[in-house]
Amino acid sequence: MTQETKKISLILSSDNHEKVQLAGMISSVAAVTGIEVLVFVSMGAVKKFKKGISDDERFSGGSFSKILREKKVPPYIDLFRQGKEFGGVRMFACPMALEVLGWTKDDLEDNLFDEVAGMTKFLIEADGSQLLNL
């Protein structure tokens, strides 16, 4: 990544805990190092950000999820919030995924998503960045 780029864009579509956790880790570390991060949360990943879900729902995934939970690794919600506090993370919730679930932004964790915005807006904002799909 060039000095000029300094932006990572993540498309988060999986409801697998390890992938969502990794996205949170990438986001917080990048923000701390001064890299802007855009996160587009769609498909099954949106379900991981619903207000009030149980820890069993939040940590559902592969065998590594159990280890992360047992070791009390900071959960992805905290990591995304940390990245936002550093000012480098912006999060978009997919309107199509919300519509399919019958949800609105109010159903999602507070103070996490900057806006409900479609793929077109995300891709325009992500132009020139390194794009990762998790």
N, C-alpha and C. Protein backbone atom coordinates (compact mmCIF):
# COMPACT_ATOMS: atom_id res chain seq x y z
N MET A 1 0.85 -1.16 0.00
CA MET A 1 0.00 0.00 0.00
C MET A 1 0.89 1.23 0.00
N THR A 2 0.61 2.15 -0.86
CA THR A 2 1.42 3.35 -0.96
C THR A 2 1.08 4.32 0.15
N GLN A 3 1.97 5.27 0.36
CA GLN A 3 1.73 6.30 1.36
C GLN A 3 0.46 7.07 1.04
N GLU A 4 0.17 7.24 -0.25
CA GLU A 4 -1.01 7.99 -0.68
C GLU A 4 -2.30 7.24 -0.36
N THR A 5 -2.32 5.91 -0.50
CA THR A 5 -3.53 5.13 -0.33
C THR A 5 -4.02 5.19 1.11
N LYS A 6 -3.31 4.57 2.03
CA LYS A 6 -3.63 4.58 3.45
C LYS A 6 -5.11 4.39 3.75
N LYS A 7 -5.74 3.51 3.00
CA LYS A 7 -7.15 3.20 3.25
C LYS A 7 -7.38 1.73 2.95
N ILE A 8 -8.09 1.08 3.87
CA ILE A 8 -8.49 -0.31 3.69
C ILE A 8 -10.01 -0.34 3.71
N SER A 9 -10.58 -1.11 2.81
CA SER A 9 -12.03 -1.28 2.77
C SER A 9 -12.34 -2.76 2.96
N LEU A 10 -13.23 -3.03 3.91
CA LEU A 10 -13.61 -4.41 4.22
C LEU A 10 -15.06 -4.64 3.85
N ILE A 11 -15.30 -5.73 3.15
CA ILE A 11 -16.67 -6.19 2.92
C ILE A 11 -16.84 -7.38 3.85
N LEU A 12 -17.72 -7.23 4.80
CA LEU A 12 -17.94 -8.24 5.82
C LEU A 12 -19.31 -8.85 5.56
N SER A 13 -19.30 -10.12 5.11
CA SER A 13 -20.57 -10.75 4.75
C SER A 13 -20.85 -12.05 5.51
N SER A 14 -19.87 -12.58 6.18
CA SER A 14 -20.02 -13.86 6.87
C SER A 14 -20.49 -13.66 8.31
N ASP A 15 -21.33 -14.58 8.77
CA ASP A 15 -21.73 -14.54 10.18
C ASP A 15 -20.82 -15.42 11.04
N ASN A 16 -19.71 -15.86 10.46
CA ASN A 16 -18.73 -16.65 11.19
C ASN A 16 -17.98 -15.74 12.16
N HIS A 17 -17.99 -16.08 13.43
CA HIS A 17 -17.37 -15.23 14.45
C HIS A 17 -15.91 -14.92 14.15
N GLU A 18 -15.13 -15.91 13.73
CA GLU A 18 -13.70 -15.67 13.49
C GLU A 18 -13.48 -14.60 12.42
N LYS A 19 -14.31 -14.58 11.39
CA LYS A 19 -14.17 -13.58 10.33
C LYS A 19 -14.57 -12.19 10.82
N VAL A 20 -15.63 -12.12 11.59
CA VAL A 20 -16.07 -10.83 12.13
C VAL A 20 -15.03 -10.33 13.13
N GLN A 21 -14.49 -11.23 13.94
CA GLN A 21 -13.44 -10.87 14.90
C GLN A 21 -12.20 -10.34 14.17
N LEU A 22 -11.80 -11.03 13.11
CA LEU A 22 -10.64 -10.59 12.33
C LEU A 22 -10.87 -9.20 11.74
N ALA A 23 -12.07 -8.94 11.24
CA ALA A 23 -12.39 -7.61 10.71
C ALA A 23 -12.27 -6.55 11.80
N GLY A 24 -12.72 -6.88 12.99
CA GLY A 24 -12.57 -5.95 14.11
C GLY A 24 -11.12 -5.69 14.45
N MET A 25 -10.31 -6.74 14.43
CA MET A 25 -8.88 -6.60 14.71
C MET A 25 -8.20 -5.74 13.65
N ILE A 26 -8.47 -6.03 12.39
CA ILE A 26 -7.88 -5.24 11.30
C ILE A 26 -8.28 -3.78 11.45
N SER A 27 -9.54 -3.55 11.73
CA SER A 27 -10.05 -2.18 11.83
C SER A 27 -9.38 -1.40 12.95
N SER A 28 -9.30 -2.00 14.12
CA SER A 28 -8.73 -1.27 15.26
C SER A 28 -7.23 -1.04 15.08
N VAL A 29 -6.50 -2.03 14.61
CA VAL A 29 -5.05 -1.87 14.41
C VAL A 29 -4.77 -0.85 13.32
N ALA A 30 -5.52 -0.91 12.22
CA ALA A 30 -5.33 0.06 11.14
C ALA A 30 -5.61 1.48 11.63
N ALA A 31 -6.69 1.65 12.38
CA ALA A 31 -7.04 2.98 12.88
C ALA A 31 -5.94 3.53 13.79
N VAL A 32 -5.37 2.67 14.64
CA VAL A 32 -4.30 3.10 15.55
C VAL A 32 -3.08 3.55 14.76
N THR A 33 -2.85 2.92 13.61
CA THR A 33 -1.66 3.26 12.82
C THR A 33 -1.94 4.34 11.78
N GLY A 34 -3.12 4.95 11.85
CA GLY A 34 -3.42 6.07 10.96
C GLY A 34 -3.99 5.70 9.60
N ILE A 35 -4.41 4.46 9.46
CA ILE A 35 -5.01 4.01 8.20
C ILE A 35 -6.52 4.11 8.31
N GLU A 36 -7.13 4.75 7.33
CA GLU A 36 -8.59 4.84 7.30
C GLU A 36 -9.17 3.48 6.93
N VAL A 37 -10.28 3.12 7.58
CA VAL A 37 -10.94 1.84 7.31
C VAL A 37 -12.42 2.08 7.04
N LEU A 38 -12.90 1.52 5.93
CA LEU A 38 -14.32 1.52 5.62
C LEU A 38 -14.80 0.08 5.75
N VAL A 39 -15.90 -0.13 6.45
CA VAL A 39 -16.43 -1.47 6.65
C VAL A 39 -17.86 -1.52 6.16
N PHE A 40 -18.12 -2.39 5.19
CA PHE A 40 -19.47 -2.60 4.66
C PHE A 40 -19.96 -3.92 5.22
N VAL A 41 -20.99 -3.87 6.07
CA VAL A 41 -21.51 -5.06 6.74
C VAL A 41 -22.81 -5.48 6.05
N SER A 42 -22.80 -6.69 5.50
CA SER A 42 -23.92 -7.18 4.72
C SER A 42 -24.19 -8.65 5.03
N MET A 43 -25.17 -9.19 4.35
CA MET A 43 -25.56 -10.59 4.45
C MET A 43 -25.61 -11.06 5.91
N GLY A 44 -25.07 -12.24 6.17
CA GLY A 44 -25.15 -12.81 7.52
C GLY A 44 -24.39 -12.04 8.57
N ALA A 45 -23.39 -11.27 8.17
CA ALA A 45 -22.59 -10.51 9.14
C ALA A 45 -23.45 -9.50 9.90
N VAL A 46 -24.49 -8.98 9.28
CA VAL A 46 -25.36 -7.99 9.94
C VAL A 46 -25.93 -8.58 11.22
N LYS A 47 -26.23 -9.87 11.21
CA LYS A 47 -26.84 -10.51 12.38
C LYS A 47 -25.93 -10.46 13.61
N LYS A 48 -24.62 -10.37 13.40
CA LYS A 48 -23.66 -10.31 14.51
C LYS A 48 -23.67 -8.96 15.21
N PHE A 49 -24.36 -7.98 14.63
CA PHE A 49 -24.38 -6.62 15.19
C PHE A 49 -25.74 -6.23 15.76
N LYS A 50 -26.63 -7.21 15.89
CA LYS A 50 -27.97 -6.93 16.44
C LYS A 50 -27.86 -6.64 17.93
N LYS A 51 -28.56 -5.62 18.36
CA LYS A 51 -28.61 -5.28 19.78
C LYS A 51 -29.17 -6.46 20.57
N GLY A 52 -28.57 -6.71 21.72
CA GLY A 52 -29.15 -7.65 22.66
C GLY A 52 -28.97 -9.13 22.36
N ILE A 53 -28.15 -9.49 21.36
CA ILE A 53 -27.99 -10.93 21.12
C ILE A 53 -27.14 -11.53 22.23
N SER A 54 -27.33 -12.81 22.46
CA SER A 54 -26.61 -13.50 23.52
C SER A 54 -25.15 -13.71 23.13
N ASP A 55 -24.32 -13.99 24.13
CA ASP A 55 -22.92 -14.30 23.84
C ASP A 55 -22.81 -15.55 22.98
N ASP A 56 -23.73 -16.51 23.17
CA ASP A 56 -23.70 -17.71 22.33
C ASP A 56 -23.90 -17.35 20.86
N GLU A 57 -24.80 -16.41 20.58
CA GLU A 57 -25.02 -15.97 19.20
C GLU A 57 -23.83 -15.16 18.70
N ARG A 58 -23.31 -14.29 19.56
CA ARG A 58 -22.21 -13.41 19.17
C ARG A 58 -20.94 -14.21 18.86
N PHE A 59 -20.69 -15.26 19.64
CA PHE A 59 -19.45 -16.03 19.49
C PHE A 59 -19.63 -17.31 18.69
N SER A 60 -20.72 -17.46 17.94
CA SER A 60 -20.90 -18.68 17.16
C SER A 60 -19.95 -18.65 15.96
N GLY A 61 -19.32 -19.78 15.75
CA GLY A 61 -18.37 -19.88 14.65
C GLY A 61 -17.65 -21.21 14.73
N GLY A 62 -16.42 -21.23 14.31
CA GLY A 62 -15.63 -22.44 14.33
C GLY A 62 -15.05 -22.72 15.70
N SER A 63 -14.18 -23.70 15.76
CA SER A 63 -13.60 -24.12 17.04
C SER A 63 -12.75 -23.03 17.68
N PHE A 64 -12.21 -22.13 16.88
CA PHE A 64 -11.37 -21.07 17.43
C PHE A 64 -12.19 -20.05 18.21
N SER A 65 -13.46 -19.91 17.86
CA SER A 65 -14.34 -18.99 18.60
C SER A 65 -14.41 -19.36 20.07
N LYS A 66 -14.49 -20.65 20.35
CA LYS A 66 -14.56 -21.11 21.74
C LYS A 66 -13.29 -20.71 22.49
N ILE A 67 -12.15 -20.86 21.85
CA ILE A 67 -10.87 -20.49 22.48
C ILE A 67 -10.83 -18.98 22.74
N LEU A 68 -11.24 -18.19 21.76
CA LEU A 68 -11.26 -16.74 21.93
C LEU A 68 -12.13 -16.33 23.11
N ARG A 69 -13.27 -16.97 23.21
CA ARG A 69 -14.21 -16.67 24.31
C ARG A 69 -13.61 -17.07 25.65
N GLU A 70 -13.02 -18.27 25.72
CA GLU A 70 -12.41 -18.75 26.96
C GLU A 70 -11.26 -17.85 27.41
N LYS A 71 -10.48 -17.35 26.47
CA LYS A 71 -9.32 -16.51 26.78
C LYS A 71 -9.72 -15.05 27.01
N LYS A 72 -11.01 -14.77 26.87
CA LYS A 72 -11.55 -13.43 27.08
C LYS A 72 -10.87 -12.38 26.19
N VAL A 73 -10.67 -12.76 24.94
CA VAL A 73 -10.13 -11.83 23.94
C VAL A 73 -11.16 -10.73 23.74
N PRO A 74 -10.73 -9.46 23.63
CA PRO A 74 -11.71 -8.38 23.42
C PRO A 74 -12.61 -8.70 22.24
N PRO A 75 -13.94 -8.65 22.44
CA PRO A 75 -14.86 -9.00 21.36
C PRO A 75 -14.85 -7.96 20.23
N TYR A 76 -15.25 -8.41 19.07
CA TYR A 76 -15.22 -7.56 17.87
C TYR A 76 -15.97 -6.26 18.04
N ILE A 77 -17.07 -6.25 18.77
CA ILE A 77 -17.82 -5.00 18.98
C ILE A 77 -16.90 -3.97 19.63
N ASP A 78 -16.16 -4.39 20.66
CA ASP A 78 -15.23 -3.49 21.34
C ASP A 78 -14.12 -3.03 20.39
N LEU A 79 -13.64 -3.94 19.56
CA LEU A 79 -12.56 -3.58 18.63
C LEU A 79 -13.03 -2.55 17.60
N PHE A 80 -14.23 -2.74 17.05
CA PHE A 80 -14.77 -1.75 16.11
C PHE A 80 -14.97 -0.41 16.81
N ARG A 81 -15.48 -0.43 18.03
CA ARG A 81 -15.67 0.83 18.77
C ARG A 81 -14.33 1.51 19.03
N GLN A 82 -13.32 0.73 19.36
CA GLN A 82 -11.99 1.29 19.58
C GLN A 82 -11.48 1.96 18.31
N GLY A 83 -11.66 1.30 17.18
CA GLY A 83 -11.24 1.87 15.90
C GLY A 83 -11.97 3.16 15.60
N LYS A 84 -13.25 3.22 15.93
CA LYS A 84 -14.03 4.44 15.72
C LYS A 84 -13.55 5.56 16.64
N GLU A 85 -13.18 5.21 17.86
CA GLU A 85 -12.67 6.22 18.80
C GLU A 85 -11.38 6.85 18.29
N PHE A 86 -10.56 6.07 17.62
CA PHE A 86 -9.34 6.61 17.03
C PHE A 86 -9.63 7.44 15.79
N GLY A 87 -10.87 7.37 15.32
CA GLY A 87 -11.31 8.21 14.22
C GLY A 87 -11.06 7.68 12.84
N GLY A 88 -10.55 6.47 12.72
CA GLY A 88 -10.22 5.97 11.40
C GLY A 88 -11.18 4.97 10.81
N VAL A 89 -12.23 4.59 11.55
CA VAL A 89 -13.14 3.55 11.08
C VAL A 89 -14.52 4.14 10.82
N ARG A 90 -15.03 3.85 9.62
CA ARG A 90 -16.41 4.21 9.28
C ARG A 90 -17.12 2.93 8.87
N MET A 91 -18.33 2.74 9.41
CA MET A 91 -19.07 1.50 9.16
C MET A 91 -20.39 1.79 8.47
N PHE A 92 -20.69 0.95 7.48
CA PHE A 92 -21.91 1.05 6.70
C PHE A 92 -22.70 -0.24 6.86
N ALA A 93 -23.98 -0.14 7.14
CA ALA A 93 -24.87 -1.30 7.18
C ALA A 93 -25.59 -1.39 5.85
N CYS A 94 -25.65 -2.57 5.29
CA CYS A 94 -26.29 -2.80 3.99
C CYS A 94 -27.81 -2.70 4.11
N PRO A 95 -28.42 -1.81 3.35
CA PRO A 95 -29.87 -1.66 3.45
C PRO A 95 -30.63 -2.90 2.98
N MET A 96 -30.10 -3.61 2.00
CA MET A 96 -30.77 -4.81 1.51
C MET A 96 -30.80 -5.89 2.59
N ALA A 97 -29.68 -6.08 3.28
CA ALA A 97 -29.63 -7.09 4.35
C ALA A 97 -30.60 -6.72 5.48
N LEU A 98 -30.64 -5.43 5.83
CA LEU A 98 -31.57 -4.99 6.87
C LEU A 98 -33.01 -5.22 6.44
N GLU A 99 -33.31 -4.92 5.19
CA GLU A 99 -34.68 -5.10 4.68
C GLU A 99 -35.09 -6.56 4.72
N VAL A 100 -34.21 -7.45 4.29
CA VAL A 100 -34.51 -8.88 4.28
C VAL A 100 -34.81 -9.38 5.70
N LEU A 101 -34.08 -8.84 6.68
CA LEU A 101 -34.28 -9.24 8.07
C LEU A 101 -35.45 -8.50 8.74
N GLY A 102 -35.97 -7.48 8.06
CA GLY A 102 -37.04 -6.67 8.65
C GLY A 102 -36.53 -5.74 9.73
N TRP A 103 -35.27 -5.34 9.64
CA TRP A 103 -34.62 -4.50 10.63
C TRP A 103 -34.40 -3.09 10.09
N THR A 104 -34.11 -2.18 11.03
CA THR A 104 -33.64 -0.84 10.70
C THR A 104 -32.32 -0.62 11.44
N LYS A 105 -31.72 0.52 11.23
CA LYS A 105 -30.48 0.85 11.93
C LYS A 105 -30.67 0.79 13.44
N ASP A 106 -31.87 1.07 13.91
CA ASP A 106 -32.15 1.05 15.35
C ASP A 106 -32.03 -0.35 15.95
N ASP A 107 -32.08 -1.40 15.13
CA ASP A 107 -31.93 -2.76 15.61
C ASP A 107 -30.47 -3.15 15.81
N LEU A 108 -29.57 -2.31 15.32
CA LEU A 108 -28.13 -2.60 15.40
C LEU A 108 -27.51 -1.96 16.63
N GLU A 109 -26.35 -2.46 17.01
CA GLU A 109 -25.61 -1.90 18.15
C GLU A 109 -25.52 -0.39 18.03
N ASP A 110 -25.70 0.30 19.15
CA ASP A 110 -25.63 1.75 19.17
C ASP A 110 -24.21 2.25 18.92
N ASN A 111 -24.13 3.43 18.31
CA ASN A 111 -22.86 4.14 18.11
C ASN A 111 -21.80 3.32 17.39
N LEU A 112 -22.22 2.53 16.43
CA LEU A 112 -21.26 1.73 15.68
C LEU A 112 -21.34 2.05 14.19
N PHE A 113 -22.55 2.07 13.66
CA PHE A 113 -22.71 2.30 12.23
C PHE A 113 -22.89 3.79 11.93
N ASP A 114 -22.13 4.26 10.96
CA ASP A 114 -22.23 5.66 10.56
C ASP A 114 -23.48 5.90 9.73
N GLU A 115 -23.83 4.91 8.91
CA GLU A 115 -25.03 5.06 8.10
C GLU A 115 -25.43 3.73 7.48
N VAL A 116 -26.67 3.72 7.03
CA VAL A 116 -27.16 2.63 6.19
C VAL A 116 -26.92 3.10 4.77
N ALA A 117 -26.09 2.37 4.04
CA ALA A 117 -25.71 2.79 2.69
C ALA A 117 -25.45 1.57 1.83
N GLY A 118 -25.86 1.65 0.60
CA GLY A 118 -25.73 0.53 -0.31
C GLY A 118 -24.32 0.32 -0.84
N MET A 119 -24.19 -0.77 -1.56
CA MET A 119 -22.91 -1.16 -2.13
C MET A 119 -22.34 -0.08 -3.06
N THR A 120 -23.20 0.59 -3.81
CA THR A 120 -22.72 1.62 -4.73
C THR A 120 -21.98 2.71 -3.98
N LYS A 121 -22.59 3.23 -2.92
CA LYS A 121 -21.95 4.29 -2.14
C LYS A 121 -20.65 3.78 -1.53
N PHE A 122 -20.68 2.57 -0.99
CA PHE A 122 -19.48 2.01 -0.38
C PHE A 122 -18.35 1.91 -1.40
N LEU A 123 -18.64 1.38 -2.58
CA LEU A 123 -17.60 1.21 -3.59
C LEU A 123 -17.05 2.55 -4.08
N ILE A 124 -17.89 3.55 -4.17
CA ILE A 124 -17.42 4.89 -4.55
C ILE A 124 -16.46 5.40 -3.47
N GLU A 125 -16.84 5.25 -2.21
CA GLU A 125 -15.98 5.72 -1.11
C GLU A 125 -14.71 4.88 -0.99
N ALA A 126 -14.79 3.61 -1.38
CA ALA A 126 -13.65 2.70 -1.27
C ALA A 126 -12.68 2.83 -2.44
N ASP A 127 -13.03 3.62 -3.43
CA ASP A 127 -12.19 3.77 -4.63
C ASP A 127 -10.74 4.09 -4.24
N GLY A 128 -9.82 3.32 -4.79
CA GLY A 128 -8.40 3.53 -4.55
C GLY A 128 -7.86 2.84 -3.30
N SER A 129 -8.72 2.17 -2.56
CA SER A 129 -8.27 1.51 -1.34
C SER A 129 -7.97 0.04 -1.60
N GLN A 130 -7.34 -0.56 -0.62
CA GLN A 130 -7.14 -2.00 -0.65
C GLN A 130 -8.44 -2.62 -0.17
N LEU A 131 -9.04 -3.53 -0.96
CA LEU A 131 -10.34 -4.10 -0.66
C LEU A 131 -10.18 -5.56 -0.21
N LEU A 132 -10.74 -5.86 0.97
CA LEU A 132 -10.71 -7.21 1.51
C LEU A 132 -12.12 -7.71 1.74
N ASN A 133 -12.37 -8.97 1.42
CA ASN A 133 -13.70 -9.56 1.62
C ASN A 133 -13.58 -10.65 2.67
N LEU A 134 -14.34 -10.50 3.75
CA LEU A 134 -14.32 -11.50 4.83
C LEU A 134 -15.71 -12.07 5.02
